[in-house]
Amino acid sequence: MNTKTITDRVERKAAKRASRKKAAPKAKRASGVARGSMKKKVTKLVQGQRKR
């Protein structure tokens, strides 16, 4: 929702809450999908001399 035109903070919050209530509920995250800290970390390449 674009609330750039609304300058009053309280009014903007009310508009956002109303639109959030109207929106369809988000689907649950599928099982087996890692999130945040559970994701596999990318190993850093060793810096230095090139292999080729």
C-alpha atoms as a PDB file:
ATOM      1  CA  MET A   1       0.000   0.000   0.000  1.00  0.00           C
ATOM      2  CA  ASN A   2       1.324   3.421  -0.962  1.00  0.00           C
ATOM      3  CA  THR A   3       0.921   5.895   1.908  1.00  0.00           C
ATOM      4  CA  LYS A   4       3.303   8.589   0.676  1.00  0.00           C
ATOM      5  CA  THR A   5       0.492  11.073   0.167  1.00  0.00           C
ATOM      6  CA  ILE A   6      -0.809  10.779   3.761  1.00  0.00           C
ATOM      7  CA  THR A   7       1.194  13.149   5.957  1.00  0.00           C
ATOM      8  CA  ASP A   8      -0.563  12.579   9.286  1.00  0.00           C
ATOM      9  CA  ARG A   9       1.137   9.702  11.159  1.00  0.00           C
ATOM     10  CA  VAL A  10      -1.979   8.468  12.977  1.00  0.00           C
ATOM     11  CA  GLU A  11      -4.055   8.567   9.822  1.00  0.00           C
ATOM     12  CA  ARG A  12      -1.361   6.680   7.897  1.00  0.00           C
ATOM     13  CA  LYS A  13      -1.207   3.970  10.574  1.00  0.00           C
ATOM     14  CA  ALA A  14      -4.986   3.569  10.474  1.00  0.00           C
ATOM     15  CA  ALA A  15      -4.925   3.234   6.683  1.00  0.00           C
ATOM     16  CA  LYS A  16      -2.165   0.613   6.850  1.00  0.00           C
ATOM     17  CA  ARG A  17      -3.976  -1.405   9.521  1.00  0.00           C
ATOM     18  CA  ALA A  18      -7.200  -1.325   7.507  1.00  0.00           C
ATOM     19  CA  SER A  19      -5.461  -2.519   4.339  1.00  0.00           C
ATOM     20  CA  ARG A  20      -3.673  -5.250   6.281  1.00  0.00           C
ATOM     21  CA  LYS A  21      -7.005  -6.463   7.623  1.00  0.00           C
ATOM     22  CA  LYS A  22      -8.501  -6.521   4.120  1.00  0.00           C
ATOM     23  CA  ALA A  23      -5.562  -8.427   2.573  1.00  0.00           C
ATOM     24  CA  ALA A  24      -5.785 -12.174   2.102  1.00  0.00           C
ATOM     25  CA  PRO A  25      -3.871 -14.191   4.691  1.00  0.00           C
ATOM     26  CA  LYS A  26      -0.378 -15.236   3.668  1.00  0.00           C
ATOM     27  CA  ALA A  27       0.288 -18.921   3.052  1.00  0.00           C
ATOM     28  CA  LYS A  28       2.355 -20.786   5.621  1.00  0.00           C
ATOM     29  CA  ARG A  29       5.988 -21.388   4.729  1.00  0.00           C
ATOM     30  CA  ALA A  30       6.460 -24.817   3.170  1.00  0.00           C
ATOM     31  CA  SER A  31       8.172 -27.380   5.350  1.00  0.00           C
ATOM     32  CA  GLY A  32      11.803 -27.891   4.439  1.00  0.00           C
ATOM     33  CA  VAL A  33      12.353 -24.270   3.448  1.00  0.00           C
ATOM     34  CA  ALA A  34      15.205 -22.881   5.522  1.00  0.00           C
ATOM     35  CA  ARG A  35      14.910 -19.352   6.803  1.00  0.00           C
ATOM     36  CA  GLY A  36      17.407 -16.892   8.206  1.00  0.00           C
ATOM     37  CA  SER A  37      20.048 -18.489  10.403  1.00  0.00           C
ATOM     38  CA  MET A  38      18.983 -21.991   9.315  1.00  0.00           C
ATOM     39  CA  LYS A  39      20.164 -21.390   5.737  1.00  0.00           C
ATOM     40  CA  LYS A  40      23.387 -22.950   4.501  1.00  0.00           C
ATOM     41  CA  LYS A  41      26.246 -20.500   4.752  1.00  0.00           C
ATOM     42  CA  VAL A  42      28.367 -19.635   1.733  1.00  0.00           C
ATOM     43  CA  THR A  43      31.982 -20.550   2.409  1.00  0.00           C
ATOM     44  CA  LYS A  44      34.353 -17.696   1.708  1.00  0.00           C
ATOM     45  CA  LEU A  45      36.977 -18.309  -0.953  1.00  0.00           C
ATOM     46  CA  VAL A  46      40.539 -18.075   0.259  1.00  0.00           C
ATOM     47  CA  GLN A  47      42.137 -14.865  -0.888  1.00  0.00           C
ATOM     48  CA  GLY A  48      45.597 -14.955  -2.333  1.00  0.00           C
ATOM     49  CA  GLN A  49      47.279 -16.567  -5.294  1.00  0.00           C
ATOM     50  CA  ARG A  50      45.087 -17.685  -8.180  1.00  0.00           C
ATOM     51  CA  LYS A  51      44.915 -21.387  -8.918  1.00  0.00           C
ATOM     52  CA  ARG A  52      45.219 -20.862 -12.709  1.00  0.00           C
END
